[in-house]
Amino acid sequence: MAEIIKHPFFPVADSDSRVLILGTFPSVTSREVQFYYGHPQNRFWRLLAAIFEEPVPATLEEKIAFLHRHHVALWDVVASCKIQQSQDASIRHAEPQDIPSLVEKTKIRCILCNGSAAFRLYQTHFGNTLDLPVLGLPSTSPANAAWSLERLLPLWREALLNANDGGSKKDPTSPGEF
C-alpha cells in the first residue's frame, strides 16, 4: 500500500500573477528534479514557449522568470495523497492545497486546469468557492498521447492569452472542460 506523499514544492506566483495553472500532483520525475513538469516528454514548457513565442526555458531560474514575465502562477491541486508512480487515476486520500489563500495574495482572475484529473479534483475540493472562471484543458502529460503538441496549442493559446488579457477577447474561460 502506498504511503501518503506530501507535495514537495511551493507555488510559483507573485503579486502580479493573473492566471493560475493547476496540475494534480508532481510526477515521480518532477519530484526527482524538484520542479513542475520535469518529465522530458511532458509538453508543458514547450507549449508555453510556443504560446508566448519564446525559447523553451531550461533551468529552474529561467522557468520561474518565464512564468513571472507572463503573469502565470503555477501550482497543483493536491497537497498530499497516496499515488502509484505518476498515475493521476491512482490518487487516493487527496488533501487540497490552500488555493483560496494563494488567489487572495495575487491578481489571479482565471484558473486553468492542466488535464481532466486536475479539473475534477479542483471541482471536488473547491467547486464554486472562488468567484473565478475555471477551465479544464487537455493534459500536457505524455500519458495523454491522443493530444499532440500541435493539437494542444490552439486551445491552450486561446485560453491562456484571453485569461491573461482579462478576457478582452471571446471568453473561453467559462466553467467547463475540453
N, C-alpha and C. Protein backbone atom coordinates (compact mmCIF):
# COMPACT_ATOMS: atom_id res chain seq x y z
N MET A 1 0.84 -1.19 0.00
CA MET A 1 0.00 0.00 0.00
C MET A 1 0.88 1.25 0.00
N ALA A 2 0.59 2.18 -0.86
CA ALA A 2 1.37 3.41 -0.96
C ALA A 2 1.18 4.25 0.30
N GLU A 3 2.23 4.97 0.66
CA GLU A 3 2.12 5.86 1.81
C GLU A 3 1.76 7.26 1.32
N ILE A 4 1.31 8.09 2.23
CA ILE A 4 0.94 9.45 1.87
C ILE A 4 2.20 10.25 1.55
N ILE A 5 2.16 10.91 0.41
CA ILE A 5 3.28 11.74 -0.05
C ILE A 5 2.83 13.20 0.02
N LYS A 6 3.68 14.05 0.55
CA LYS A 6 3.39 15.49 0.60
C LYS A 6 3.97 16.18 -0.63
N HIS A 7 3.25 17.16 -1.10
CA HIS A 7 3.71 17.95 -2.25
C HIS A 7 5.03 18.61 -1.89
N PRO A 8 6.06 18.44 -2.73
CA PRO A 8 7.39 18.92 -2.34
C PRO A 8 7.74 20.35 -2.72
N PHE A 9 6.90 21.06 -3.49
CA PHE A 9 7.29 22.40 -3.94
C PHE A 9 6.29 23.45 -3.47
N PHE A 10 6.80 24.68 -3.43
CA PHE A 10 5.95 25.83 -3.20
C PHE A 10 5.30 26.23 -4.52
N PRO A 11 4.22 27.00 -4.47
CA PRO A 11 3.68 27.52 -5.72
C PRO A 11 4.65 28.53 -6.32
N VAL A 12 4.57 28.68 -7.63
CA VAL A 12 5.30 29.76 -8.30
C VAL A 12 4.26 30.84 -8.57
N ALA A 13 4.41 31.95 -7.90
CA ALA A 13 3.45 33.05 -8.05
C ALA A 13 4.09 34.31 -7.48
N ASP A 14 3.60 35.44 -7.95
CA ASP A 14 3.97 36.70 -7.34
C ASP A 14 2.73 37.58 -7.31
N SER A 15 2.86 38.76 -6.76
CA SER A 15 1.67 39.61 -6.58
C SER A 15 1.04 40.02 -7.91
N ASP A 16 1.78 39.92 -9.02
CA ASP A 16 1.25 40.29 -10.33
C ASP A 16 0.70 39.11 -11.13
N SER A 17 0.70 37.92 -10.55
CA SER A 17 0.16 36.75 -11.27
C SER A 17 -1.31 36.97 -11.60
N ARG A 18 -1.69 36.66 -12.84
CA ARG A 18 -3.07 36.85 -13.29
C ARG A 18 -3.78 35.55 -13.61
N VAL A 19 -3.02 34.53 -13.99
CA VAL A 19 -3.59 33.24 -14.38
C VAL A 19 -2.92 32.17 -13.52
N LEU A 20 -3.73 31.28 -12.98
CA LEU A 20 -3.20 30.16 -12.20
C LEU A 20 -3.40 28.88 -13.00
N ILE A 21 -2.30 28.20 -13.31
CA ILE A 21 -2.37 26.89 -13.95
C ILE A 21 -2.19 25.85 -12.86
N LEU A 22 -3.16 24.96 -12.76
CA LEU A 22 -3.14 23.91 -11.74
C LEU A 22 -2.96 22.54 -12.38
N GLY A 23 -2.00 21.80 -11.89
CA GLY A 23 -1.88 20.38 -12.22
C GLY A 23 -2.49 19.58 -11.08
N THR A 24 -2.24 18.29 -11.07
CA THR A 24 -2.77 17.45 -10.00
C THR A 24 -1.76 17.34 -8.87
N PHE A 25 -0.66 16.62 -9.15
CA PHE A 25 0.38 16.33 -8.17
C PHE A 25 1.64 16.02 -8.96
N PRO A 26 2.82 16.39 -8.47
CA PRO A 26 4.04 16.18 -9.27
C PRO A 26 4.30 14.71 -9.59
N SER A 27 4.74 14.47 -10.81
CA SER A 27 5.13 13.12 -11.23
C SER A 27 6.39 12.69 -10.47
N VAL A 28 6.71 11.42 -10.57
CA VAL A 28 7.94 10.91 -9.96
C VAL A 28 9.14 11.70 -10.48
N THR A 29 9.20 11.90 -11.80
CA THR A 29 10.32 12.64 -12.39
C THR A 29 10.36 14.08 -11.89
N SER A 30 9.21 14.73 -11.81
CA SER A 30 9.18 16.11 -11.31
C SER A 30 9.66 16.17 -9.87
N ARG A 31 9.26 15.19 -9.07
CA ARG A 31 9.74 15.15 -7.68
C ARG A 31 11.25 14.95 -7.63
N GLU A 32 11.78 14.16 -8.55
CA GLU A 32 13.24 13.93 -8.60
C GLU A 32 14.00 15.19 -9.00
N VAL A 33 13.48 15.92 -10.00
CA VAL A 33 14.17 17.14 -10.44
C VAL A 33 13.75 18.36 -9.64
N GLN A 34 12.78 18.18 -8.77
CA GLN A 34 12.32 19.19 -7.82
C GLN A 34 11.71 20.43 -8.47
N PHE A 35 10.93 20.19 -9.55
CA PHE A 35 10.16 21.29 -10.12
C PHE A 35 9.06 20.74 -11.01
N TYR A 36 8.09 21.59 -11.26
CA TYR A 36 6.91 21.23 -12.03
C TYR A 36 7.24 20.81 -13.45
N TYR A 37 6.52 19.81 -13.93
CA TYR A 37 6.59 19.34 -15.32
C TYR A 37 8.02 19.00 -15.72
N GLY A 38 8.65 18.17 -14.90
CA GLY A 38 10.05 17.81 -15.11
C GLY A 38 10.28 16.65 -16.06
N HIS A 39 9.23 15.91 -16.40
CA HIS A 39 9.41 14.78 -17.32
C HIS A 39 9.74 15.33 -18.71
N PRO A 40 10.79 14.83 -19.35
CA PRO A 40 11.20 15.39 -20.65
C PRO A 40 10.14 15.26 -21.74
N GLN A 41 9.22 14.29 -21.62
CA GLN A 41 8.18 14.16 -22.64
C GLN A 41 6.94 15.00 -22.33
N ASN A 42 6.87 15.62 -21.16
CA ASN A 42 5.73 16.48 -20.88
C ASN A 42 5.84 17.71 -21.76
N ARG A 43 4.74 18.08 -22.39
CA ARG A 43 4.75 19.19 -23.36
C ARG A 43 4.56 20.56 -22.72
N PHE A 44 4.41 20.63 -21.40
CA PHE A 44 4.06 21.89 -20.74
C PHE A 44 4.98 23.05 -21.11
N TRP A 45 6.28 22.90 -20.90
CA TRP A 45 7.20 24.02 -21.14
C TRP A 45 7.32 24.35 -22.62
N ARG A 46 7.29 23.34 -23.49
CA ARG A 46 7.33 23.60 -24.94
C ARG A 46 6.06 24.33 -25.38
N LEU A 47 4.93 23.94 -24.79
CA LEU A 47 3.65 24.55 -25.13
C LEU A 47 3.63 26.03 -24.73
N LEU A 48 4.01 26.33 -23.50
CA LEU A 48 4.02 27.73 -23.06
C LEU A 48 5.01 28.55 -23.87
N ALA A 49 6.17 27.98 -24.18
CA ALA A 49 7.15 28.70 -25.00
C ALA A 49 6.57 29.03 -26.38
N ALA A 50 5.85 28.09 -26.97
CA ALA A 50 5.23 28.33 -28.28
C ALA A 50 4.14 29.40 -28.18
N ILE A 51 3.35 29.36 -27.13
CA ILE A 51 2.28 30.34 -26.95
C ILE A 51 2.85 31.75 -26.85
N PHE A 52 3.90 31.91 -26.06
CA PHE A 52 4.48 33.23 -25.83
C PHE A 52 5.63 33.56 -26.79
N GLU A 53 5.86 32.65 -27.76
CA GLU A 53 6.87 32.86 -28.81
C GLU A 53 8.24 33.19 -28.22
N GLU A 54 8.66 32.31 -27.32
CA GLU A 54 9.97 32.44 -26.66
C GLU A 54 10.66 31.09 -26.70
N PRO A 55 11.97 31.08 -26.47
CA PRO A 55 12.67 29.80 -26.35
C PRO A 55 12.16 29.04 -25.12
N VAL A 56 12.27 27.73 -25.17
CA VAL A 56 11.85 26.90 -24.05
C VAL A 56 12.79 27.16 -22.88
N PRO A 57 12.26 27.55 -21.72
CA PRO A 57 13.14 27.76 -20.57
C PRO A 57 13.73 26.43 -20.11
N ALA A 58 15.01 26.43 -19.77
CA ALA A 58 15.68 25.17 -19.44
C ALA A 58 15.97 25.02 -17.95
N THR A 59 16.44 26.08 -17.32
CA THR A 59 16.83 25.97 -15.92
C THR A 59 15.66 26.36 -15.01
N LEU A 60 15.78 26.03 -13.76
CA LEU A 60 14.77 26.41 -12.78
C LEU A 60 14.59 27.93 -12.77
N GLU A 61 15.68 28.66 -12.77
CA GLU A 61 15.61 30.12 -12.74
C GLU A 61 14.92 30.66 -14.00
N GLU A 62 15.24 30.09 -15.16
CA GLU A 62 14.60 30.52 -16.41
C GLU A 62 13.10 30.24 -16.38
N LYS A 63 12.71 29.10 -15.85
CA LYS A 63 11.29 28.74 -15.80
C LYS A 63 10.52 29.69 -14.88
N ILE A 64 11.08 29.99 -13.73
CA ILE A 64 10.41 30.90 -12.80
C ILE A 64 10.32 32.30 -13.41
N ALA A 65 11.39 32.79 -14.00
CA ALA A 65 11.37 34.12 -14.64
C ALA A 65 10.36 34.15 -15.78
N PHE A 66 10.30 33.08 -16.56
CA PHE A 66 9.35 32.97 -17.67
C PHE A 66 7.91 33.11 -17.14
N LEU A 67 7.59 32.35 -16.10
CA LEU A 67 6.24 32.40 -15.53
C LEU A 67 5.92 33.80 -15.00
N HIS A 68 6.83 34.40 -14.27
CA HIS A 68 6.59 35.75 -13.74
C HIS A 68 6.42 36.77 -14.86
N ARG A 69 7.25 36.66 -15.89
CA ARG A 69 7.19 37.60 -17.02
C ARG A 69 5.82 37.57 -17.70
N HIS A 70 5.20 36.40 -17.69
CA HIS A 70 3.91 36.25 -18.36
C HIS A 70 2.74 36.20 -17.38
N HIS A 71 2.98 36.58 -16.15
CA HIS A 71 1.95 36.69 -15.11
C HIS A 71 1.21 35.37 -14.87
N VAL A 72 1.95 34.28 -14.98
CA VAL A 72 1.37 32.95 -14.79
C VAL A 72 1.84 32.39 -13.45
N ALA A 73 0.88 31.95 -12.65
CA ALA A 73 1.18 31.24 -11.41
C ALA A 73 1.03 29.75 -11.69
N LEU A 74 1.78 28.95 -10.95
CA LEU A 74 1.80 27.51 -11.19
C LEU A 74 1.75 26.78 -9.85
N TRP A 75 0.83 25.82 -9.77
CA TRP A 75 0.71 25.01 -8.55
C TRP A 75 -0.03 23.75 -8.90
N ASP A 76 -0.30 22.93 -7.91
CA ASP A 76 -1.07 21.71 -8.08
C ASP A 76 -2.24 21.73 -7.11
N VAL A 77 -3.31 21.04 -7.46
CA VAL A 77 -4.50 20.98 -6.62
C VAL A 77 -4.22 20.23 -5.32
N VAL A 78 -3.44 19.17 -5.40
CA VAL A 78 -3.27 18.24 -4.28
C VAL A 78 -2.03 18.58 -3.44
N ALA A 79 -2.24 18.71 -2.13
CA ALA A 79 -1.14 18.97 -1.19
C ALA A 79 -0.50 17.68 -0.70
N SER A 80 -1.31 16.64 -0.56
CA SER A 80 -0.80 15.33 -0.14
C SER A 80 -1.78 14.26 -0.59
N CYS A 81 -1.24 13.06 -0.84
CA CYS A 81 -2.08 11.97 -1.32
C CYS A 81 -1.31 10.66 -1.31
N LYS A 82 -2.03 9.60 -1.58
CA LYS A 82 -1.42 8.32 -1.92
C LYS A 82 -1.51 8.24 -3.44
N ILE A 83 -0.41 7.88 -4.08
CA ILE A 83 -0.37 7.80 -5.54
C ILE A 83 0.59 6.70 -5.96
N GLN A 84 0.22 5.98 -7.00
CA GLN A 84 1.11 4.95 -7.56
C GLN A 84 1.87 5.57 -8.72
N GLN A 85 3.19 5.59 -8.59
CA GLN A 85 4.06 6.17 -9.61
C GLN A 85 3.61 7.60 -9.92
N SER A 86 3.23 7.85 -11.18
CA SER A 86 2.81 9.19 -11.60
C SER A 86 1.38 9.17 -12.13
N GLN A 87 0.62 8.17 -11.76
CA GLN A 87 -0.70 7.95 -12.33
C GLN A 87 -1.78 8.75 -11.59
N ASP A 88 -2.28 9.80 -12.23
CA ASP A 88 -3.33 10.61 -11.62
C ASP A 88 -4.54 9.78 -11.22
N ALA A 89 -4.85 8.77 -12.02
CA ALA A 89 -6.03 7.94 -11.74
C ALA A 89 -5.88 7.16 -10.44
N SER A 90 -4.66 7.02 -9.95
CA SER A 90 -4.43 6.26 -8.72
C SER A 90 -4.47 7.13 -7.47
N ILE A 91 -4.65 8.44 -7.61
CA ILE A 91 -4.64 9.34 -6.45
C ILE A 91 -5.77 8.98 -5.49
N ARG A 92 -5.40 8.79 -4.23
CA ARG A 92 -6.35 8.48 -3.16
C ARG A 92 -6.01 9.37 -1.96
N HIS A 93 -7.00 9.59 -1.12
CA HIS A 93 -6.81 10.36 0.12
C HIS A 93 -6.19 11.72 -0.17
N ALA A 94 -6.68 12.37 -1.21
CA ALA A 94 -6.14 13.68 -1.61
C ALA A 94 -6.58 14.77 -0.64
N GLU A 95 -5.61 15.52 -0.19
CA GLU A 95 -5.85 16.72 0.61
C GLU A 95 -5.48 17.90 -0.27
N PRO A 96 -6.36 18.91 -0.37
CA PRO A 96 -6.08 20.01 -1.30
C PRO A 96 -5.11 21.06 -0.76
N GLN A 97 -4.49 21.76 -1.70
CA GLN A 97 -3.68 22.93 -1.36
C GLN A 97 -4.62 24.05 -0.90
N ASP A 98 -4.08 25.08 -0.30
CA ASP A 98 -4.88 26.24 0.10
C ASP A 98 -4.90 27.24 -1.06
N ILE A 99 -5.61 26.86 -2.10
CA ILE A 99 -5.68 27.69 -3.31
C ILE A 99 -6.34 29.04 -3.04
N PRO A 100 -7.42 29.10 -2.23
CA PRO A 100 -8.01 30.42 -1.96
C PRO A 100 -7.01 31.43 -1.37
N SER A 101 -6.12 31.00 -0.50
CA SER A 101 -5.12 31.92 0.07
C SER A 101 -4.16 32.43 -0.99
N LEU A 102 -3.76 31.55 -1.91
CA LEU A 102 -2.87 31.98 -2.99
C LEU A 102 -3.57 33.03 -3.86
N VAL A 103 -4.81 32.76 -4.22
CA VAL A 103 -5.56 33.68 -5.07
C VAL A 103 -5.70 35.04 -4.39
N GLU A 104 -5.94 35.02 -3.09
CA GLU A 104 -6.13 36.25 -2.32
C GLU A 104 -4.88 37.15 -2.35
N LYS A 105 -3.70 36.56 -2.45
CA LYS A 105 -2.44 37.31 -2.40
C LYS A 105 -1.97 37.79 -3.78
N THR A 106 -2.75 37.51 -4.81
CA THR A 106 -2.32 37.81 -6.18
C THR A 106 -3.42 38.54 -6.93
N LYS A 107 -3.19 38.74 -8.22
CA LYS A 107 -4.20 39.32 -9.11
C LYS A 107 -4.83 38.25 -9.99
N ILE A 108 -4.79 37.00 -9.53
CA ILE A 108 -5.32 35.89 -10.33
C ILE A 108 -6.80 36.12 -10.60
N ARG A 109 -7.15 36.00 -11.89
CA ARG A 109 -8.54 36.21 -12.29
C ARG A 109 -9.09 35.05 -13.11
N CYS A 110 -8.28 33.99 -13.25
CA CYS A 110 -8.73 32.82 -14.00
C CYS A 110 -7.87 31.63 -13.60
N ILE A 111 -8.49 30.46 -13.54
CA ILE A 111 -7.77 29.23 -13.23
C ILE A 111 -7.90 28.29 -14.42
N LEU A 112 -6.75 27.79 -14.88
CA LEU A 112 -6.71 26.81 -15.96
C LEU A 112 -6.18 25.51 -15.37
N CYS A 113 -6.94 24.44 -15.53
CA CYS A 113 -6.53 23.13 -15.01
C CYS A 113 -5.89 22.31 -16.11
N ASN A 114 -4.70 21.82 -15.84
CA ASN A 114 -3.95 21.03 -16.81
C ASN A 114 -4.42 19.58 -16.72
N GLY A 115 -5.45 19.27 -17.49
CA GLY A 115 -5.97 17.90 -17.55
C GLY A 115 -7.27 17.72 -16.79
N SER A 116 -7.98 16.66 -17.16
CA SER A 116 -9.29 16.39 -16.56
C SER A 116 -9.18 16.00 -15.09
N ALA A 117 -8.11 15.33 -14.69
CA ALA A 117 -7.97 14.95 -13.27
C ALA A 117 -7.81 16.20 -12.41
N ALA A 118 -7.01 17.15 -12.85
CA ALA A 118 -6.83 18.40 -12.10
C ALA A 118 -8.16 19.15 -12.02
N PHE A 119 -8.90 19.18 -13.13
CA PHE A 119 -10.19 19.86 -13.15
C PHE A 119 -11.17 19.20 -12.18
N ARG A 120 -11.26 17.87 -12.22
CA ARG A 120 -12.17 17.15 -11.32
C ARG A 120 -11.78 17.35 -9.86
N LEU A 121 -10.50 17.24 -9.56
CA LEU A 121 -10.06 17.44 -8.17
C LEU A 121 -10.33 18.86 -7.70
N TYR A 122 -10.11 19.84 -8.57
CA TYR A 122 -10.41 21.22 -8.21
C TYR A 122 -11.90 21.36 -7.90
N GLN A 123 -12.75 20.84 -8.79
CA GLN A 123 -14.19 20.94 -8.59
C GLN A 123 -14.63 20.22 -7.31
N THR A 124 -14.05 19.06 -7.05
CA THR A 124 -14.39 18.30 -5.85
C THR A 124 -14.06 19.08 -4.58
N HIS A 125 -12.91 19.69 -4.54
CA HIS A 125 -12.46 20.35 -3.31
C HIS A 125 -12.87 21.82 -3.20
N PHE A 126 -13.11 22.48 -4.33
CA PHE A 126 -13.38 23.91 -4.27
C PHE A 126 -14.69 24.32 -4.94
N GLY A 127 -15.18 23.54 -5.90
CA GLY A 127 -16.44 23.87 -6.57
C GLY A 127 -16.47 25.32 -6.98
N ASN A 128 -17.46 26.04 -6.47
CA ASN A 128 -17.61 27.47 -6.78
C ASN A 128 -17.16 28.35 -5.62
N THR A 129 -16.24 27.85 -4.80
CA THR A 129 -15.74 28.61 -3.65
C THR A 129 -15.17 29.95 -4.07
N LEU A 130 -14.40 29.94 -5.14
CA LEU A 130 -13.79 31.17 -5.63
C LEU A 130 -14.63 31.72 -6.78
N ASP A 131 -14.81 33.00 -6.79
CA ASP A 131 -15.60 33.63 -7.85
C ASP A 131 -14.70 33.94 -9.04
N LEU A 132 -14.20 32.84 -9.65
CA LEU A 132 -13.29 32.95 -10.79
C LEU A 132 -13.69 31.94 -11.85
N PRO A 133 -13.49 32.27 -13.11
CA PRO A 133 -13.69 31.25 -14.14
C PRO A 133 -12.63 30.16 -14.02
N VAL A 134 -13.06 28.92 -14.22
CA VAL A 134 -12.17 27.76 -14.16
C VAL A 134 -12.39 26.95 -15.42
N LEU A 135 -11.30 26.62 -16.10
CA LEU A 135 -11.39 25.87 -17.34
C LEU A 135 -10.48 24.65 -17.27
N GLY A 136 -11.02 23.51 -17.62
CA GLY A 136 -10.21 22.29 -17.73
C GLY A 136 -9.69 22.17 -19.15
N LEU A 137 -8.38 22.08 -19.29
CA LEU A 137 -7.75 21.94 -20.60
C LEU A 137 -7.16 20.55 -20.75
N PRO A 138 -6.94 20.10 -21.98
CA PRO A 138 -6.32 18.79 -22.17
C PRO A 138 -4.93 18.75 -21.54
N SER A 139 -4.60 17.64 -20.95
CA SER A 139 -3.34 17.48 -20.25
C SER A 139 -2.14 17.54 -21.18
N THR A 140 -1.07 18.13 -20.67
CA THR A 140 0.20 18.18 -21.41
C THR A 140 1.05 16.93 -21.13
N SER A 141 0.56 16.04 -20.30
CA SER A 141 1.30 14.83 -19.92
C SER A 141 1.55 13.93 -21.12
N PRO A 142 2.68 13.22 -21.12
CA PRO A 142 2.92 12.25 -22.19
C PRO A 142 1.90 11.11 -22.16
N ALA A 143 1.23 10.91 -21.04
CA ALA A 143 0.18 9.88 -20.96
C ALA A 143 -1.03 10.25 -21.83
N ASN A 144 -1.17 11.53 -22.16
CA ASN A 144 -2.26 12.00 -23.00
C ASN A 144 -1.80 12.01 -24.46
N ALA A 145 -1.49 10.84 -24.97
CA ALA A 145 -0.94 10.71 -26.33
C ALA A 145 -1.93 11.09 -27.42
N ALA A 146 -3.22 11.11 -27.10
CA ALA A 146 -4.23 11.48 -28.09
C ALA A 146 -4.12 12.96 -28.50
N TRP A 147 -3.47 13.75 -27.66
CA TRP A 147 -3.33 15.18 -27.93
C TRP A 147 -1.86 15.51 -28.22
N SER A 148 -1.55 15.75 -29.47
CA SER A 148 -0.19 16.17 -29.86
C SER A 148 0.01 17.62 -29.44
N LEU A 149 1.25 18.06 -29.45
CA LEU A 149 1.55 19.46 -29.16
C LEU A 149 0.80 20.37 -30.12
N GLU A 150 0.75 19.99 -31.39
CA GLU A 150 0.07 20.80 -32.40
C GLU A 150 -1.43 20.90 -32.12
N ARG A 151 -2.00 19.86 -31.56
CA ARG A 151 -3.43 19.87 -31.24
C ARG A 151 -3.70 20.63 -29.94
N LEU A 152 -2.78 20.55 -28.98
CA LEU A 152 -2.92 21.27 -27.72
C LEU A 152 -2.79 22.78 -27.90
N LEU A 153 -1.90 23.17 -28.79
CA LEU A 153 -1.51 24.57 -28.92
C LEU A 153 -2.67 25.55 -29.11
N PRO A 154 -3.60 25.37 -30.05
CA PRO A 154 -4.64 26.39 -30.22
C PRO A 154 -5.56 26.53 -29.00
N LEU A 155 -5.91 25.43 -28.37
CA LEU A 155 -6.79 25.50 -27.20
C LEU A 155 -6.10 26.20 -26.03
N TRP A 156 -4.89 25.77 -25.75
CA TRP A 156 -4.14 26.38 -24.65
C TRP A 156 -3.83 27.85 -24.96
N ARG A 157 -3.47 28.16 -26.20
CA ARG A 157 -3.15 29.55 -26.57
C ARG A 157 -4.36 30.45 -26.33
N GLU A 158 -5.51 30.05 -26.84
CA GLU A 158 -6.70 30.88 -26.68
C GLU A 158 -7.05 31.07 -25.21
N ALA A 159 -7.05 30.00 -24.45
CA ALA A 159 -7.40 30.09 -23.04
C ALA A 159 -6.40 30.95 -22.27
N LEU A 160 -5.13 30.71 -22.47
CA LEU A 160 -4.10 31.41 -21.70
C LEU A 160 -4.00 32.88 -22.08
N LEU A 161 -3.99 33.19 -23.35
CA LEU A 161 -3.88 34.59 -23.76
C LEU A 161 -5.12 35.38 -23.40
N ASN A 162 -6.29 34.80 -23.57
CA ASN A 162 -7.52 35.51 -23.20
C ASN A 162 -7.60 35.70 -21.69
N ALA A 163 -7.23 34.70 -20.94
CA ALA A 163 -7.26 34.82 -19.48
C ALA A 163 -6.25 35.87 -19.02
N ASN A 164 -5.10 35.91 -19.64
CA ASN A 164 -4.06 36.86 -19.26
C ASN A 164 -4.44 38.29 -19.65
N ASP A 165 -5.26 38.43 -20.69
CA ASP A 165 -5.75 39.74 -21.12
C ASP A 165 -6.97 40.18 -20.32
N GLY A 166 -7.42 39.36 -19.43
CA GLY A 166 -8.62 39.70 -18.67
C GLY A 166 -9.88 39.39 -19.44
N GLY A 167 -9.78 38.52 -20.44
CA GLY A 167 -10.97 38.12 -21.18
C GLY A 167 -11.45 39.16 -22.15
N SER A 168 -10.55 40.02 -22.65
CA SER A 168 -10.96 41.07 -23.57
C SER A 168 -11.44 40.53 -24.91
N LYS A 169 -11.00 39.31 -25.27
CA LYS A 169 -11.45 38.68 -26.50
C LYS A 169 -12.60 37.74 -26.14
N LYS A 170 -13.03 36.94 -27.09
CA LYS A 170 -14.03 35.92 -26.81
C LYS A 170 -13.57 35.13 -25.58
N ASP A 171 -14.41 35.01 -24.59
CA ASP A 171 -14.01 34.42 -23.31
C ASP A 171 -14.11 32.90 -23.33
N PRO A 172 -12.96 32.19 -23.43
CA PRO A 172 -13.00 30.73 -23.41
C PRO A 172 -12.93 30.19 -21.99
N THR A 173 -12.99 31.07 -21.01
CA THR A 173 -12.72 30.65 -19.64
C THR A 173 -13.98 30.40 -18.83
N SER A 174 -15.12 30.29 -19.49
CA SER A 174 -16.31 29.93 -18.73
C SER A 174 -16.11 28.52 -18.21
N PRO A 175 -16.74 28.23 -17.07
CA PRO A 175 -16.51 26.90 -16.49
C PRO A 175 -16.77 25.80 -17.50
N GLY A 176 -15.89 24.86 -17.55
CA GLY A 176 -16.07 23.76 -18.49
C GLY A 176 -14.79 22.99 -18.67
N GLU A 177 -14.89 22.00 -19.53
CA GLU A 177 -13.75 21.12 -19.74
C GLU A 177 -13.75 20.68 -21.19
N PHE A 178 -12.55 20.61 -21.77
CA PHE A 178 -12.41 20.11 -23.14
C PHE A 178 -12.35 18.61 -23.11
